[in-house]
Amino acid sequence: MADRRNLFDKVFDLHTVRELPTGQTQLFIGRHLIHEVTSPQAFELLRERGLKVLFPDRTLATVDHIVPTDDQSRPFRDPLAEEMMQAIERNCAEFGITLLNLNDERQGIVHIVGPELGLTQPGITLVCGDSHTSTHGAFGCIALGIGTSQVAQVLATQTLALTRPKVRRIEVNGELRPGVYAKDVILHIIRKLGTQGGVGYAYEYAGDVFDRMSMEERMTVCNMSIEGGARCGYC
């Protein structure tokens, strides 16, 4: 008998560890991306509780949120930015996590680094302490933005307690007029469904318009799923 589950349900079921008494699902996380802004407090939580990072090889760190675009000499002119940089350097060294620092040619925006390095793969679960982690859904994976306490949860257990979203299929067919691009498509969807229309949902983008899009265009669409209130989006 054919498996009629959608991609989200297949991936979610494959990574389910157990159903929790709260009604949430304990979900195994295949890839964890961290950066300098939402990780310092998470590492402090680990220290307070005497915990280690369970699978350091499944976490990758980069610096991108507070890095100056003009003068990157250290220390940074902004003392808070310098403090965050020192924190992620110290934390990654202590907990054995690979850090793509400024002197590493692979360093870059966290949601670009994952695809460029082949870390973002179809069928995996991926999280990052950044709301636009949904960008990675363009590659056919479940990609979720999480908060700082959840970053600590994933570091310590490689799992996440999550209320299972429902899936809303959004199908767009036809030919786009000249001058209409991927961002216009997702903005139109948000206009139609509202900025809260996706609350409690994962958006599944389907139809020949998305089929013809490049990976960069699909990343644009999935990136803005959050602006529509969705938990994540994928093509």
Foldseek 3Di string as FASTA:
>chain_A
DDDPDDLVVVLQVVQFPDQDPVRWTKGFAQAEEEELPLALVLLVVCVVVVFAQPDQVRYAYAYEDLQDPPDRDPPDPDVVSSVSVVSVVVSCVVRVHHYCYPVHPLHDDRLVSCVVVVVLAASGEYEYCDQLQLLSQQRHYHYFHDGNNQSSVCRRPSIGTGHQAAEDEDEDEDDDDPPQALLNVLVVVCVVQHQQNAARYEYEYHYVVSVPDDSVSSSNNQSCVVSSNHRHYHD
